Amino acid sequence: MKKDKLKLAILDMNNDEPNQGLRCITEIVSTFNDDLEYQIFNVRAKNELPDTSFDIYISSGGPGSPLDDGEWRKPYLQLMQDLWDFNKTSSEQKKSVFFICYSFQVMCHYFQLGELKPRRSTSFGILRMHKTKKGHNDLIFEGLSDPFYAVDSRDWQLVQPRLTVFKNHGSTILSLEKIRTHVELERAIMAVRFSDEFVGTQFHPEAEPVSMEAYFGLAENKKKVIDSFGVEKYNQMMDRIDDPEKIELTYNTILPKFIRNAISKVNQPVMS
């Protein structure tokens, strides 16, 4: 007998602005076609949201302030609270959720895990990420070196973690941004496991090297990067795109491991 496929919801937080991330997410999800069927919801631009019947949720990155008080915000956070409460109280299979960049910032602010504030300048490029002690033992990072590399593109940061709040939620810090010996600035938190089922990254684990190289190879996009960040930053990024031990490894590791683990959780027999 053919088994029913699990349901995965992709929450598009891009507010109808052009992006590469959503396509990369769907490409990763599509590799699990034998196990999953997915549906995309345009959250910020069209106020579309799934219900709580899906098995797995991936909430994307997006532009703008994570403190944006649009119409979407209250229903989105209510959905996340409902999923959180379901996982805490239900004896049924748990709901797994992955938060990327903008969504990560929104949830860290919602859970009051630290201070969410604008950076002095935009962080952009293929940058080093460092695992914490907890991160070394987390399944989504298995197979990645320390440091590992990921695409970072953000104007905001989570700093000054409220460790008591982390402890009360059962949350842990998995990754921090690169060590900067030449500046006396706090290192931003780059990944958090909110619970066994909720996890998120400030960086973009869905970034895929082939399309990134093509995108930033176009003259207009090359000019934008050089005008904003300089030719040295552009050249560094293009050098790192080709390295199979950098974002290609991250792309093949984090989201696939999250999805694989979420599928296995749903397929485990429920303890009565």
Protein backbone atom coordinates (compact mmCIF):
# COMPACT_ATOMS: atom_id res chain seq x y z
CA MET A 1 0.00 0.00 0.00
CA LYS A 2 1.32 3.42 -0.92
CA LYS A 3 1.93 5.58 2.14
CA ASP A 4 0.61 9.14 2.36
CA LYS A 5 3.19 11.85 1.83
CA LEU A 6 3.95 14.23 4.65
CA LYS A 7 2.93 17.88 4.25
CA LEU A 8 5.52 20.67 4.30
CA ALA A 9 4.65 24.38 4.35
CA ILE A 10 7.09 26.96 2.98
CA LEU A 11 6.37 30.37 4.50
CA ASP A 12 7.53 33.02 2.04
CA MET A 13 8.60 36.11 4.03
CA ASN A 14 10.04 38.03 1.05
CA ASN A 15 7.14 40.50 0.77
CA ASP A 16 7.05 40.06 -3.03
CA GLU A 17 10.61 41.34 -3.46
CA PRO A 18 12.78 39.38 -5.97
CA ASN A 19 15.02 36.82 -4.30
CA GLN A 20 16.96 33.61 -4.84
CA GLY A 21 16.25 32.08 -1.45
CA LEU A 22 12.74 30.82 -2.08
CA ARG A 23 13.80 28.95 -5.21
CA CYS A 24 16.71 27.38 -3.34
CA ILE A 25 14.42 26.25 -0.51
CA THR A 26 11.98 24.63 -2.96
CA GLU A 27 14.86 22.89 -4.75
CA ILE A 28 16.07 21.34 -1.48
CA VAL A 29 12.52 20.35 -0.50
CA SER A 30 11.93 18.85 -3.96
CA THR A 31 14.73 16.33 -3.39
CA PHE A 32 12.39 14.73 -0.82
CA ASN A 33 9.53 14.30 -3.31
CA ASP A 34 9.08 10.62 -2.43
CA ASP A 35 8.24 11.57 1.15
CA LEU A 36 6.85 15.11 0.97
CA GLU A 37 4.42 17.36 -0.80
CA TYR A 38 4.83 21.08 -0.22
CA GLN A 39 2.82 24.27 -0.46
CA ILE A 40 4.08 27.88 -0.50
CA PHE A 41 2.34 30.62 1.50
CA ASN A 42 3.00 34.31 0.75
CA VAL A 43 2.88 35.56 4.34
CA ARG A 44 3.85 39.23 4.32
CA ALA A 45 2.49 40.37 0.94
CA LYS A 46 -0.77 38.39 0.87
CA ASN A 47 -1.34 37.41 4.52
CA GLU A 48 -1.37 33.73 3.53
CA LEU A 49 -0.72 31.25 6.32
CA PRO A 50 -1.00 27.47 6.65
CA ASP A 51 -2.98 25.86 9.44
CA THR A 52 -1.44 23.53 12.01
CA SER A 53 -2.12 20.36 9.99
CA PHE A 54 1.26 20.42 8.22
CA ASP A 55 4.06 18.18 9.49
CA ILE A 56 7.03 20.43 8.68
CA TYR A 57 7.39 24.21 8.24
CA ILE A 58 10.24 26.25 6.73
CA SER A 59 10.00 30.03 7.19
CA SER A 60 12.21 32.02 4.79
CA GLY A 61 14.40 35.07 4.97
CA GLY A 62 13.19 38.43 3.74
CA PRO A 63 13.88 42.15 3.47
CA GLY A 64 13.18 44.95 5.92
CA SER A 65 12.89 45.33 9.65
CA PRO A 66 12.07 42.22 11.70
CA LEU A 67 10.08 44.57 13.96
CA ASP A 68 7.73 45.44 11.07
CA ASP A 69 4.21 45.50 12.51
CA GLY A 70 2.36 44.51 9.34
CA GLU A 71 -0.99 42.73 9.24
CA TRP A 72 0.80 39.41 8.85
CA ARG A 73 2.68 39.61 12.14
CA LYS A 74 0.04 38.74 14.72
CA PRO A 75 -1.41 35.73 12.80
CA TYR A 76 2.11 34.49 11.99
CA LEU A 77 3.20 34.59 15.62
CA GLN A 78 -0.08 33.00 16.70
CA LEU A 79 0.59 30.10 14.32
CA MET A 80 4.08 29.67 15.77
CA GLN A 81 2.71 29.78 19.32
CA ASP A 82 0.06 27.20 18.40
CA LEU A 83 2.74 24.90 16.96
CA TRP A 84 4.94 25.45 20.02
CA ASP A 85 2.03 24.65 22.37
CA PHE A 86 1.11 21.57 20.32
CA ASN A 87 4.65 20.24 20.65
CA LYS A 88 4.68 20.87 24.39
CA THR A 89 1.32 19.28 25.18
CA SER A 90 0.45 16.76 22.49
CA SER A 91 1.23 13.07 22.51
CA GLU A 92 1.00 13.07 18.70
CA GLN A 93 3.98 13.45 16.39
CA LYS A 94 5.66 16.83 16.82
CA LYS A 95 5.73 19.68 14.27
CA SER A 96 9.21 20.68 13.06
CA VAL A 97 9.94 24.30 12.08
CA PHE A 98 13.05 25.90 10.55
CA PHE A 99 13.50 29.70 10.60
CA ILE A 100 15.87 31.49 8.19
CA CYS A 101 17.36 34.98 8.68
CA TYR A 102 14.35 37.36 8.82
CA SER A 103 12.12 34.67 10.34
CA PHE A 104 14.89 33.82 12.81
CA GLN A 105 15.05 37.46 13.90
CA VAL A 106 11.26 37.67 14.30
CA MET A 107 11.18 34.55 16.49
CA CYS A 108 14.18 35.57 18.62
CA HIS A 109 12.42 38.87 19.30
CA TYR A 110 9.14 37.09 20.05
CA PHE A 111 10.82 34.76 22.55
CA GLN A 112 12.84 37.73 23.96
CA LEU A 113 16.08 35.76 23.71
CA GLY A 114 18.31 38.83 23.56
CA GLU A 115 18.65 42.32 22.16
CA LEU A 116 17.68 42.57 18.49
CA LYS A 117 19.13 45.72 16.99
CA PRO A 118 20.42 47.19 13.70
CA ARG A 119 24.06 46.59 12.83
CA ARG A 120 26.41 49.52 12.31
CA SER A 121 26.82 48.32 8.73
CA THR A 122 25.37 45.54 6.59
CA SER A 123 27.00 42.14 6.93
CA PHE A 124 27.31 40.59 3.49
CA GLY A 125 29.27 37.77 1.90
CA ILE A 126 30.31 34.16 2.41
CA LEU A 127 31.54 34.36 5.97
CA ARG A 128 32.90 32.13 8.73
CA MET A 129 30.49 30.84 11.37
CA HIS A 130 31.67 29.27 14.62
CA LYS A 131 29.90 26.45 16.41
CA THR A 132 29.29 26.67 20.14
CA LYS A 133 29.82 23.65 22.38
CA LYS A 134 26.12 22.79 21.94
CA GLY A 135 26.43 23.39 18.20
CA HIS A 136 29.15 20.76 17.94
CA ASN A 137 26.62 18.16 19.07
CA ASP A 138 23.62 19.38 17.08
CA LEU A 139 22.44 17.17 14.24
CA ILE A 140 21.98 20.04 11.72
CA PHE A 141 25.72 20.80 11.89
CA GLU A 142 26.94 17.21 11.64
CA GLY A 143 29.56 16.99 8.91
CA LEU A 144 30.43 20.71 8.96
CA SER A 145 33.86 21.89 10.06
CA ASP A 146 34.37 24.54 12.73
CA PRO A 147 34.38 27.20 11.55
CA PHE A 148 32.09 26.54 8.61
CA TYR A 149 31.03 28.98 5.89
CA ALA A 150 27.60 30.35 5.02
CA VAL A 151 25.98 33.23 3.15
CA ASP A 152 25.37 36.15 5.49
CA SER A 153 23.18 39.08 4.41
CA ARG A 154 21.70 41.17 7.21
CA ASP A 155 21.23 44.62 8.65
CA TRP A 156 20.11 43.36 12.08
CA GLN A 157 21.69 41.23 14.78
CA LEU A 158 20.82 39.37 17.96
CA VAL A 159 23.26 40.14 20.78
CA GLN A 160 23.30 40.15 24.60
CA PRO A 161 21.57 36.79 25.06
CA ARG A 162 19.22 36.55 28.03
CA LEU A 163 20.53 33.25 29.35
CA THR A 164 17.74 32.82 31.90
CA VAL A 165 15.15 33.13 29.12
CA PHE A 166 17.11 30.61 27.02
CA LYS A 167 17.12 28.21 29.96
CA ASN A 168 13.40 28.66 30.69
CA HIS A 169 12.51 27.90 27.05
CA GLY A 170 14.94 25.01 26.83
CA SER A 171 16.73 26.89 24.03
CA THR A 172 20.44 26.82 23.15
CA ILE A 173 22.85 28.92 21.10
CA LEU A 174 24.37 26.81 18.32
CA SER A 175 26.56 29.26 16.43
CA LEU A 176 28.21 32.70 16.66
CA GLU A 177 29.53 35.02 13.97
CA LYS A 178 33.21 35.20 13.07
CA ILE A 179 35.76 36.28 15.66
CA ARG A 180 36.80 39.88 14.99
CA THR A 181 40.01 40.63 16.88
CA HIS A 182 40.31 44.17 15.48
CA VAL A 183 36.98 45.51 16.78
CA GLU A 184 35.47 45.55 20.26
CA LEU A 185 31.98 44.52 19.24
CA GLU A 186 29.83 41.69 20.53
CA ARG A 187 29.58 38.63 18.32
CA ALA A 188 26.07 38.13 17.01
CA ILE A 189 24.17 34.90 17.59
CA MET A 190 23.95 33.05 14.27
CA ALA A 191 21.91 29.92 15.10
CA VAL A 192 19.54 28.87 17.87
CA ARG A 193 17.79 25.66 18.73
CA PHE A 194 14.60 26.96 20.31
CA SER A 195 13.45 23.43 21.17
CA ASP A 196 13.85 19.88 19.88
CA GLU A 197 11.54 20.76 16.95
CA PHE A 198 12.15 24.53 16.42
CA VAL A 199 15.54 25.62 15.06
CA GLY A 200 16.79 28.60 13.08
CA THR A 201 19.80 30.34 11.56
CA GLN A 202 20.62 34.01 11.07
CA PHE A 203 22.55 33.04 7.94
CA HIS A 204 21.20 31.45 4.73
CA PRO A 205 21.75 27.67 4.69
CA GLU A 206 19.65 27.40 1.52
CA ALA A 207 22.13 29.45 -0.58
CA GLU A 208 23.26 27.33 -3.51
CA PRO A 209 26.64 28.02 -5.19
CA VAL A 210 25.82 27.53 -8.88
CA SER A 211 22.92 29.99 -8.97
CA MET A 212 24.75 32.42 -6.69
CA GLU A 213 27.76 32.46 -9.01
CA ALA A 214 25.51 33.07 -12.02
CA TYR A 215 23.53 35.79 -10.21
CA PHE A 216 26.54 37.75 -8.94
CA GLY A 217 28.36 37.22 -12.22
CA LEU A 218 25.80 39.45 -13.97
CA ALA A 219 27.21 42.93 -14.56
CA GLU A 220 24.40 44.82 -12.77
CA ASN A 221 24.61 42.64 -9.65
CA LYS A 222 28.41 42.76 -9.63
CA LYS A 223 28.22 46.56 -9.76
CA LYS A 224 25.74 46.66 -6.84
CA VAL A 225 28.04 44.61 -4.63
CA ILE A 226 31.17 46.57 -5.55
CA ASP A 227 29.41 49.90 -5.09
CA SER A 228 28.13 48.85 -1.67
CA PHE A 229 30.97 46.74 -0.28
CA GLY A 230 34.02 47.23 -2.50
CA VAL A 231 35.85 45.11 -5.06
CA GLU A 232 37.82 43.18 -2.40
CA LYS A 233 34.61 41.88 -0.79
CA TYR A 234 33.22 40.95 -4.21
CA ASN A 235 36.37 39.02 -5.18
CA GLN A 236 36.48 37.22 -1.83
CA MET A 237 32.86 36.14 -2.23
CA MET A 238 33.36 34.86 -5.79
CA ASP A 239 36.49 32.92 -4.70
CA ARG A 240 34.58 31.24 -1.89
CA ILE A 241 31.54 30.35 -4.03
CA ASP A 242 33.60 27.76 -5.93
CA ASP A 243 35.01 26.02 -2.85
CA PRO A 244 33.15 22.70 -2.28
CA GLU A 245 34.09 22.86 1.43
CA LYS A 246 32.28 26.18 1.93
CA ILE A 247 28.67 27.02 0.99
CA GLU A 248 28.17 23.88 -1.12
CA LEU A 249 28.79 21.79 1.99
CA THR A 250 26.51 24.01 4.09
CA TYR A 251 23.80 23.81 1.40
CA ASN A 252 24.01 20.01 1.34
CA THR A 253 24.03 19.68 5.12
CA ILE A 254 21.81 21.92 7.24
CA LEU A 255 18.36 22.02 5.62
CA PRO A 256 18.56 18.44 4.28
CA LYS A 257 19.47 17.17 7.76
CA PHE A 258 16.63 19.18 9.30
CA ILE A 259 14.10 17.77 6.81
CA ARG A 260 15.41 14.21 7.10
CA ASN A 261 15.21 14.38 10.88
CA ALA A 262 11.71 15.91 10.77
CA ILE A 263 10.50 13.09 8.50
CA SER A 264 11.95 10.44 10.80
CA LYS A 265 10.28 12.10 13.84
CA VAL A 266 6.86 11.96 12.16
CA ASN A 267 7.39 8.35 11.10
CA GLN A 268 8.35 7.21 14.59
CA PRO A 269 5.52 5.37 16.37
CA VAL A 270 3.76 7.53 18.96
CA MET A 271 4.30 6.41 22.54
CA SER A 272 0.95 5.87 24.25
